[in-house]
Each structure stands twice: as structure tokens, then as C-alpha cells.
Amino acid sequence: MNKNDYTIRLEATKDYREVENLAREAFWNLSVPGCDEHYFIHILRQHEDFIPALDFVLEIDGKIIGSIMYSKAKLVDENGIEKHILTMGPICIHPAYQRKGYGKTLLEYTFDKAMALGYDTIINFGNPDNYIARGYKSCKKYNVCLKGDVFPAALLVKELKKDVFDGRKWYYQESAVTELLGDEKKIEEFDAQFPPKVKQWRPSQEEFYIHSHSILR
């Protein structure tokens, strides 16, 4: 991959449907039969936690083959002190261009942009195999957990600066926009606007299930 072969720029309104279709192609049948990432992108753009300044696409020859977005989130310690952070995702690369370094390029490009906006921490749920090479570490190492002192194996933390955490326990609170993903009817109605695709089972779905349900002790 040569940096002269691609362009990274902010997403524009005219890109919306192309990016949604890209997400659909990238995630279809990957984690579950079908997907909802394209719908999530659609509703995230309209939510107060969406960060337009961190909404980028990667183009090759005028075609969008990659996209990355971020939303506002926070960590809350046991005394109620809040720390404002970022949640990364979704990040999507067209299947024809995956495993060629474009995801890495988008991540590292936006890490610098996030730092320039004053953020020092990024959190996302994902397969550790895809992110540890980019500096993500287990939430357990930073004492970051979910309500109930749950440390999911898939909850990953990226420090944009050294020594961000001091050992205290932090509870991760993602954006409320994720609560809007529970409406299956709206997801199906939105998906019907795209060309028909067949929902199928794939082995990657079992891998996703294992990662997403694994808890660290």
C-alpha cells in the first residue's frame, strides 16, 4: 500500500448512502446473520454524541473503500468523577480491500486527529486480534469495566497519551445512541432500502459470540 494511492478526507453529506452501503458490505453475515452497522451509522450521524470532526472516509480512485466514525462516551469512577473519552466505531473496509493495511491507516490517522481535539482515551468493543497491534490493551489492565464490575475480553482501551490511568476503577458508559439499535423493525425497514442480500450463518459469527461473551477474571 502506497500513501499516494489513496485519499483520506472528512465524510460529506453526498457520501452518506455510499458509506452506509460500504458498512453493509463489510459487515453482512460477519458477526450475526445480516448486520445492523449501516443502520447504526445512519442514526449515529443524527445523534448529539456524534463527532463530525472524526468522521473520515478513505478513497481510492474516487471510490470510498473505507470509513471510520467516533462518538462521545465517558468513564465514571467510584466517586462519580467523570472522564470524557471516545468510542471508536464502526470502522469498515470494503471486503475487496481488507487485510491490506487500510484499516490500520484509518485508525492511526484518526488517533492524531483525536489527540488534536483534546482526547486521550479511546474505547471500543472488538476482536483483540484486530486491535492490539494498534496499541489497544485489555480493559482489565486499566481497571476499566462495565456496571457490575464486569471486564469483557472484547472491551479494549487505547491510550493516546502515556499514563492516562492511575489505577482507580472506572466504569465505561457508552453513548445512548446504542440503545436505538434495539428496534428490529426499524432496522429491517432501513435495510429494505438496499439491494436484497441473503442472511446466512458463517463461522465468524461463532468467533464473535465467543469474544463478545468472554469475561476476564
C-alpha atoms as a PDB file:
ATOM      1  CA  MET A   1       0.000   0.000   0.000  1.00  0.00           C
ATOM      2  CA  ASN A   2       1.384   3.385  -1.067  1.00  0.00           C
ATOM      3  CA  LYS A   3       0.152   6.553   0.622  1.00  0.00           C
ATOM      4  CA  ASN A   4      -0.074   8.172  -2.795  1.00  0.00           C
ATOM      5  CA  ASP A   5      -2.666   5.596  -3.850  1.00  0.00           C
ATOM      6  CA  TYR A   6      -5.408   6.777  -1.502  1.00  0.00           C
ATOM      7  CA  THR A   7      -7.008   9.886  -0.015  1.00  0.00           C
ATOM      8  CA  ILE A   8      -8.412  10.345   3.484  1.00  0.00           C
ATOM      9  CA  ARG A   9     -10.968  13.111   3.928  1.00  0.00           C
ATOM     10  CA  LEU A  10     -13.983  14.025   6.037  1.00  0.00           C
ATOM     11  CA  GLU A  11     -17.246  12.391   5.064  1.00  0.00           C
ATOM     12  CA  ALA A  12     -19.626  14.694   3.173  1.00  0.00           C
ATOM     13  CA  THR A  13     -23.414  14.577   3.026  1.00  0.00           C
ATOM     14  CA  LYS A  14     -23.230  13.258  -0.524  1.00  0.00           C
ATOM     15  CA  ASP A  15     -21.311  10.227   0.786  1.00  0.00           C
ATOM     16  CA  TYR A  16     -23.950   9.076   3.258  1.00  0.00           C
ATOM     17  CA  ARG A  17     -25.592   6.305   1.259  1.00  0.00           C
ATOM     18  CA  GLU A  18     -22.294   5.126  -0.209  1.00  0.00           C
ATOM     19  CA  VAL A  19     -20.805   4.784   3.276  1.00  0.00           C
ATOM     20  CA  GLU A  20     -23.898   3.014   4.597  1.00  0.00           C
ATOM     21  CA  ASN A  21     -23.704   0.551   1.724  1.00  0.00           C
ATOM     22  CA  LEU A  22     -19.990   0.090   2.394  1.00  0.00           C
ATOM     23  CA  ALA A  23     -20.731  -0.813   6.017  1.00  0.00           C
ATOM     24  CA  ARG A  24     -23.403  -3.251   4.870  1.00  0.00           C
ATOM     25  CA  GLU A  25     -20.956  -4.959   2.514  1.00  0.00           C
ATOM     26  CA  ALA A  26     -18.219  -5.081   5.157  1.00  0.00           C
ATOM     27  CA  PHE A  27     -20.340  -6.476   7.995  1.00  0.00           C
ATOM     28  CA  TRP A  28     -23.006  -8.578   6.282  1.00  0.00           C
ATOM     29  CA  ASN A  29     -23.145 -12.018   7.945  1.00  0.00           C
ATOM     30  CA  LEU A  30     -19.846 -11.302   9.715  1.00  0.00           C
ATOM     31  CA  SER A  31     -20.961 -11.196  13.362  1.00  0.00           C
ATOM     32  CA  VAL A  32     -24.595 -12.246  13.008  1.00  0.00           C
ATOM     33  CA  PRO A  33     -26.823 -13.198  10.073  1.00  0.00           C
ATOM     34  CA  GLY A  34     -27.262  -9.883   8.252  1.00  0.00           C
ATOM     35  CA  CYS A  35     -25.982  -6.789  10.077  1.00  0.00           C
ATOM     36  CA  ASP A  36     -27.078  -3.502  11.636  1.00  0.00           C
ATOM     37  CA  GLU A  37     -23.903  -1.420  11.270  1.00  0.00           C
ATOM     38  CA  HIS A  38     -25.281   0.507   8.276  1.00  0.00           C
ATOM     39  CA  TYR A  39     -28.342   1.451  10.315  1.00  0.00           C
ATOM     40  CA  PHE A  40     -26.150   2.416  13.270  1.00  0.00           C
ATOM     41  CA  ILE A  41     -24.169   4.784  11.044  1.00  0.00           C
ATOM     42  CA  HIS A  42     -27.423   6.282   9.802  1.00  0.00           C
ATOM     43  CA  ILE A  43     -28.733   7.072  13.298  1.00  0.00           C
ATOM     44  CA  LEU A  44     -25.349   7.985  14.771  1.00  0.00           C
ATOM     45  CA  ARG A  45     -24.956  10.935  12.406  1.00  0.00           C
ATOM     46  CA  GLN A  46     -28.144  12.429  13.850  1.00  0.00           C
ATOM     47  CA  HIS A  47     -27.199  11.926  17.498  1.00  0.00           C
ATOM     48  CA  GLU A  48     -25.694  14.535  19.812  1.00  0.00           C
ATOM     49  CA  ASP A  49     -22.778  12.250  20.646  1.00  0.00           C
ATOM     50  CA  PHE A  50     -21.647  12.008  17.032  1.00  0.00           C
ATOM     51  CA  ILE A  51     -18.345  13.774  16.299  1.00  0.00           C
ATOM     52  CA  PRO A  52     -18.317  15.088  12.698  1.00  0.00           C
ATOM     53  CA  ALA A  53     -14.674  16.153  13.041  1.00  0.00           C
ATOM     54  CA  LEU A  54     -13.714  12.468  13.407  1.00  0.00           C
ATOM     55  CA  ASP A  55     -15.877  11.106  10.592  1.00  0.00           C
ATOM     56  CA  PHE A  56     -13.483  10.116   7.809  1.00  0.00           C
ATOM     57  CA  VAL A  57     -13.553   8.142   4.588  1.00  0.00           C
ATOM     58  CA  LEU A  58     -10.701   6.616   2.615  1.00  0.00           C
ATOM     59  CA  GLU A  59     -10.911   6.825  -1.175  1.00  0.00           C
ATOM     60  CA  ILE A  60      -9.113   5.049  -3.982  1.00  0.00           C
ATOM     61  CA  ASP A  61      -9.662   6.434  -7.497  1.00  0.00           C
ATOM     62  CA  GLY A  62     -12.699   8.357  -6.272  1.00  0.00           C
ATOM     63  CA  LYS A  63     -14.329   5.284  -4.709  1.00  0.00           C
ATOM     64  CA  ILE A  64     -14.886   5.113  -0.949  1.00  0.00           C
ATOM     65  CA  ILE A  65     -13.406   1.835   0.298  1.00  0.00           C
ATOM     66  CA  GLY A  66     -13.046   2.689   3.984  1.00  0.00           C
ATOM     67  CA  SER A  67     -14.837   4.608   6.711  1.00  0.00           C
ATOM     68  CA  ILE A  68     -14.350   5.344  10.405  1.00  0.00           C
ATOM     69  CA  MET A  69     -16.500   7.174  12.950  1.00  0.00           C
ATOM     70  CA  TYR A  70     -16.319   8.116  16.609  1.00  0.00           C
ATOM     71  CA  SER A  71     -18.839   9.065  19.277  1.00  0.00           C
ATOM     72  CA  LYS A  72     -18.627  10.689  22.686  1.00  0.00           C
ATOM     73  CA  ALA A  73     -18.553   8.428  25.745  1.00  0.00           C
ATOM     74  CA  LYS A  74     -17.366   8.671  29.315  1.00  0.00           C
ATOM     75  CA  LEU A  75     -15.726   6.884  32.197  1.00  0.00           C
ATOM     76  CA  VAL A  76     -17.067   7.354  35.720  1.00  0.00           C
ATOM     77  CA  ASP A  77     -15.012   6.459  38.801  1.00  0.00           C
ATOM     78  CA  GLU A  78     -16.336   5.185  42.128  1.00  0.00           C
ATOM     79  CA  ASN A  79     -16.643   8.757  43.436  1.00  0.00           C
ATOM     80  CA  GLY A  80     -18.720   9.912  40.471  1.00  0.00           C
ATOM     81  CA  ILE A  81     -15.884  11.782  38.769  1.00  0.00           C
ATOM     82  CA  GLU A  82     -16.354  11.720  35.005  1.00  0.00           C
ATOM     83  CA  LYS A  83     -13.756  11.484  32.277  1.00  0.00           C
ATOM     84  CA  HIS A  84     -14.811  12.279  28.703  1.00  0.00           C
ATOM     85  CA  ILE A  85     -13.482   9.824  26.157  1.00  0.00           C
ATOM     86  CA  LEU A  86     -14.183   8.461  22.678  1.00  0.00           C
ATOM     87  CA  THR A  87     -15.784   5.295  21.419  1.00  0.00           C
ATOM     88  CA  MET A  88     -14.434   4.202  18.059  1.00  0.00           C
ATOM     89  CA  GLY A  89     -16.716   2.588  15.541  1.00  0.00           C
ATOM     90  CA  PRO A  90     -17.783   1.440  13.298  1.00  0.00           C
ATOM     91  CA  ILE A  91     -14.684   1.145  11.162  1.00  0.00           C
ATOM     92  CA  CYS A  92     -15.302  -0.598   7.870  1.00  0.00           C
ATOM     93  CA  ILE A  93     -13.208  -1.570   4.894  1.00  0.00           C
ATOM     94  CA  HIS A  94     -14.716  -2.976   1.706  1.00  0.00           C
ATOM     95  CA  PRO A  95     -14.149  -6.762   1.610  1.00  0.00           C
ATOM     96  CA  ALA A  96     -12.065  -6.467  -1.575  1.00  0.00           C
ATOM     97  CA  TYR A  97      -9.578  -4.214   0.247  1.00  0.00           C
ATOM     98  CA  GLN A  98      -9.377  -5.888   3.650  1.00  0.00           C
ATOM     99  CA  ARG A  99      -6.092  -7.186   5.111  1.00  0.00           C
ATOM    100  CA  LYS A 100      -4.119  -4.660   3.083  1.00  0.00           C
ATOM    101  CA  GLY A 101      -3.433  -2.056   5.770  1.00  0.00           C
ATOM    102  CA  TYR A 102      -6.245   0.401   5.097  1.00  0.00           C
ATOM    103  CA  GLY A 103      -7.902  -0.152   8.464  1.00  0.00           C
ATOM    104  CA  LYS A 104      -4.580   0.443  10.215  1.00  0.00           C
ATOM    105  CA  THR A 105      -4.118   3.621   8.188  1.00  0.00           C
ATOM    106  CA  LEU A 106      -7.537   4.991   9.145  1.00  0.00           C
ATOM    107  CA  LEU A 107      -7.005   4.187  12.813  1.00  0.00           C
ATOM    108  CA  GLU A 108      -3.610   5.829  13.070  1.00  0.00           C
ATOM    109  CA  TYR A 109      -4.710   8.857  11.066  1.00  0.00           C
ATOM    110  CA  THR A 110      -7.666   9.459  13.377  1.00  0.00           C
ATOM    111  CA  PHE A 111      -5.644   8.837  16.544  1.00  0.00           C
ATOM    112  CA  ASP A 112      -3.717  12.019  15.738  1.00  0.00           C
ATOM    113  CA  LYS A 113      -6.931  13.903  14.966  1.00  0.00           C
ATOM    114  CA  ALA A 114      -8.484  12.775  18.260  1.00  0.00           C
ATOM    115  CA  MET A 115      -5.454  13.965  20.210  1.00  0.00           C
ATOM    116  CA  ALA A 116      -5.667  17.337  18.482  1.00  0.00           C
ATOM    117  CA  LEU A 117      -9.252  17.620  19.754  1.00  0.00           C
ATOM    118  CA  GLY A 118      -8.048  17.055  23.318  1.00  0.00           C
ATOM    119  CA  TYR A 119      -8.957  13.400  23.827  1.00  0.00           C
ATOM    120  CA  ASP A 120      -6.545  10.984  25.474  1.00  0.00           C
ATOM    121  CA  THR A 121      -8.532   7.724  25.536  1.00  0.00           C
ATOM    122  CA  ILE A 122     -10.426   5.604  23.015  1.00  0.00           C
ATOM    123  CA  ILE A 123     -12.506   2.545  23.835  1.00  0.00           C
ATOM    124  CA  ASN A 124     -14.221   0.049  21.575  1.00  0.00           C
ATOM    125  CA  PHE A 125     -15.581  -3.466  21.581  1.00  0.00           C
ATOM    126  CA  GLY A 126     -13.834  -5.741  19.133  1.00  0.00           C
ATOM    127  CA  ASN A 127     -11.727  -8.769  18.391  1.00  0.00           C
ATOM    128  CA  PRO A 128      -8.415  -8.174  20.194  1.00  0.00           C
ATOM    129  CA  ASP A 129      -6.568  -9.767  17.268  1.00  0.00           C
ATOM    130  CA  ASN A 130      -7.587  -6.789  15.123  1.00  0.00           C
ATOM    131  CA  TYR A 131      -6.526  -4.041  17.515  1.00  0.00           C
ATOM    132  CA  ILE A 132      -3.664  -4.935  19.831  1.00  0.00           C
ATOM    133  CA  ALA A 133      -1.107  -4.115  17.137  1.00  0.00           C
ATOM    134  CA  ARG A 134      -2.503  -0.568  17.128  1.00  0.00           C
ATOM    135  CA  GLY A 135      -1.814  -0.093  20.835  1.00  0.00           C
ATOM    136  CA  TYR A 136      -5.105  -1.258  22.294  1.00  0.00           C
ATOM    137  CA  LYS A 137      -4.930  -3.203  25.547  1.00  0.00           C
ATOM    138  CA  SER A 138      -7.302  -5.176  27.725  1.00  0.00           C
ATOM    139  CA  CYS A 139      -9.685  -3.098  29.823  1.00  0.00           C
ATOM    140  CA  LYS A 140      -8.530  -5.125  32.815  1.00  0.00           C
ATOM    141  CA  LYS A 141      -5.055  -3.595  32.620  1.00  0.00           C
ATOM    142  CA  TYR A 142      -6.528  -0.131  33.111  1.00  0.00           C
ATOM    143  CA  ASN A 143      -9.196  -1.185  35.635  1.00  0.00           C
ATOM    144  CA  VAL A 144     -11.934  -0.144  33.225  1.00  0.00           C
ATOM    145  CA  CYS A 145     -15.117  -2.185  33.457  1.00  0.00           C
ATOM    146  CA  LEU A 146     -18.840  -2.235  32.912  1.00  0.00           C
ATOM    147  CA  LYS A 147     -21.508  -1.864  35.567  1.00  0.00           C
ATOM    148  CA  GLY A 148     -21.323  -4.767  37.991  1.00  0.00           C
ATOM    149  CA  ASP A 149     -17.520  -4.923  37.817  1.00  0.00           C
ATOM    150  CA  VAL A 150     -17.637  -6.870  34.556  1.00  0.00           C
ATOM    151  CA  PHE A 151     -14.449  -6.907  32.448  1.00  0.00           C
ATOM    152  CA  PRO A 152     -15.346  -8.125  28.923  1.00  0.00           C
ATOM    153  CA  ALA A 153     -12.494  -9.617  26.906  1.00  0.00           C
ATOM    154  CA  ALA A 154     -13.689  -7.586  23.926  1.00  0.00           C
ATOM    155  CA  LEU A 155     -13.611  -4.235  25.772  1.00  0.00           C
ATOM    156  CA  LEU A 156     -10.400  -2.637  24.527  1.00  0.00           C
ATOM    157  CA  VAL A 157      -8.684   0.560  25.648  1.00  0.00           C
ATOM    158  CA  LYS A 158      -6.322   2.774  23.665  1.00  0.00           C
ATOM    159  CA  GLU A 159      -4.259   5.390  25.500  1.00  0.00           C
ATOM    160  CA  LEU A 160      -3.426   8.283  23.198  1.00  0.00           C
ATOM    161  CA  LYS A 161      -1.031   9.619  25.830  1.00  0.00           C
ATOM    162  CA  LYS A 162       1.108   7.832  28.396  1.00  0.00           C
ATOM    163  CA  ASP A 163      -0.013   7.352  31.985  1.00  0.00           C
ATOM    164  CA  VAL A 164      -3.616   8.394  31.440  1.00  0.00           C
ATOM    165  CA  PHE A 165      -4.828   6.000  34.126  1.00  0.00           C
ATOM    166  CA  ASP A 166      -3.785   5.978  37.768  1.00  0.00           C
ATOM    167  CA  GLY A 167      -5.122   2.610  38.927  1.00  0.00           C
ATOM    168  CA  ARG A 168      -8.546   3.681  40.128  1.00  0.00           C
ATOM    169  CA  LYS A 169     -11.585   1.796  38.875  1.00  0.00           C
ATOM    170  CA  TRP A 170     -13.504   3.335  36.015  1.00  0.00           C
ATOM    171  CA  TYR A 171     -16.925   2.340  34.706  1.00  0.00           C
ATOM    172  CA  TYR A 172     -17.418   2.680  30.973  1.00  0.00           C
ATOM    173  CA  GLN A 173     -20.608   4.370  29.759  1.00  0.00           C
ATOM    174  CA  GLU A 174     -21.070   4.297  26.006  1.00  0.00           C
ATOM    175  CA  SER A 175     -23.282   6.710  24.100  1.00  0.00           C
ATOM    176  CA  ALA A 176     -27.042   6.357  24.466  1.00  0.00           C
ATOM    177  CA  VAL A 177     -27.229   6.053  20.679  1.00  0.00           C
ATOM    178  CA  THR A 178     -26.563   2.298  21.057  1.00  0.00           C
ATOM    179  CA  GLU A 179     -29.935   1.927  22.782  1.00  0.00           C
ATOM    180  CA  LEU A 180     -31.605   2.779  19.465  1.00  0.00           C
ATOM    181  CA  LEU A 181     -30.282  -0.447  17.938  1.00  0.00           C
ATOM    182  CA  GLY A 182     -32.919  -2.480  19.751  1.00  0.00           C
ATOM    183  CA  ASP A 183     -35.687  -1.703  17.265  1.00  0.00           C
ATOM    184  CA  GLU A 184     -35.526  -4.645  14.858  1.00  0.00           C
ATOM    185  CA  LYS A 185     -38.458  -3.358  12.819  1.00  0.00           C
ATOM    186  CA  LYS A 186     -36.709  -0.076  12.038  1.00  0.00           C
ATOM    187  CA  ILE A 187     -33.512  -1.925  11.144  1.00  0.00           C
ATOM    188  CA  GLU A 188     -35.402  -4.169   8.720  1.00  0.00           C
ATOM    189  CA  GLU A 189     -37.229  -1.195   7.194  1.00  0.00           C
ATOM    190  CA  PHE A 190     -33.953   0.631   6.677  1.00  0.00           C
ATOM    191  CA  ASP A 191     -32.239  -2.424   5.234  1.00  0.00           C
ATOM    192  CA  ALA A 192     -35.055  -2.809   2.712  1.00  0.00           C
ATOM    193  CA  GLN A 193     -33.796   0.386   1.032  1.00  0.00           C
ATOM    194  CA  PHE A 194     -30.712  -1.516  -0.166  1.00  0.00           C
ATOM    195  CA  PRO A 195     -30.340  -4.318  -2.737  1.00  0.00           C
ATOM    196  CA  PRO A 196     -31.502  -7.699  -1.341  1.00  0.00           C
ATOM    197  CA  LYS A 197     -28.906  -9.829   0.444  1.00  0.00           C
ATOM    198  CA  VAL A 198     -29.288 -13.285   1.986  1.00  0.00           C
ATOM    199  CA  LYS A 199     -28.779 -13.719   5.723  1.00  0.00           C
ATOM    200  CA  GLN A 200     -26.606 -16.752   6.416  1.00  0.00           C
ATOM    201  CA  TRP A 201     -24.590 -18.396   9.162  1.00  0.00           C
ATOM    202  CA  ARG A 202     -20.797 -18.177   8.967  1.00  0.00           C
ATOM    203  CA  PRO A 203     -18.050 -19.464  11.289  1.00  0.00           C
ATOM    204  CA  SER A 204     -17.043 -15.852  12.033  1.00  0.00           C
ATOM    205  CA  GLN A 205     -20.326 -15.480  13.921  1.00  0.00           C
ATOM    206  CA  GLU A 206     -19.274 -18.124  16.436  1.00  0.00           C
ATOM    207  CA  GLU A 207     -15.930 -16.350  16.855  1.00  0.00           C
ATOM    208  CA  PHE A 208     -17.813 -13.100  17.511  1.00  0.00           C
ATOM    209  CA  TYR A 209     -20.062 -14.820  20.037  1.00  0.00           C
ATOM    210  CA  ILE A 210     -17.091 -16.227  21.945  1.00  0.00           C
ATOM    211  CA  HIS A 211     -15.252 -12.899  22.062  1.00  0.00           C
ATOM    212  CA  SER A 212     -18.340 -10.856  22.960  1.00  0.00           C
ATOM    213  CA  HIS A 213     -19.392 -13.184  25.793  1.00  0.00           C
ATOM    214  CA  SER A 214     -15.960 -13.811  27.316  1.00  0.00           C
ATOM    215  CA  ILE A 215     -15.326 -12.206  30.711  1.00  0.00           C
ATOM    216  CA  LEU A 216     -11.925 -11.632  32.328  1.00  0.00           C
ATOM    217  CA  ARG A 217     -11.435 -12.667  35.950  1.00  0.00           C
END
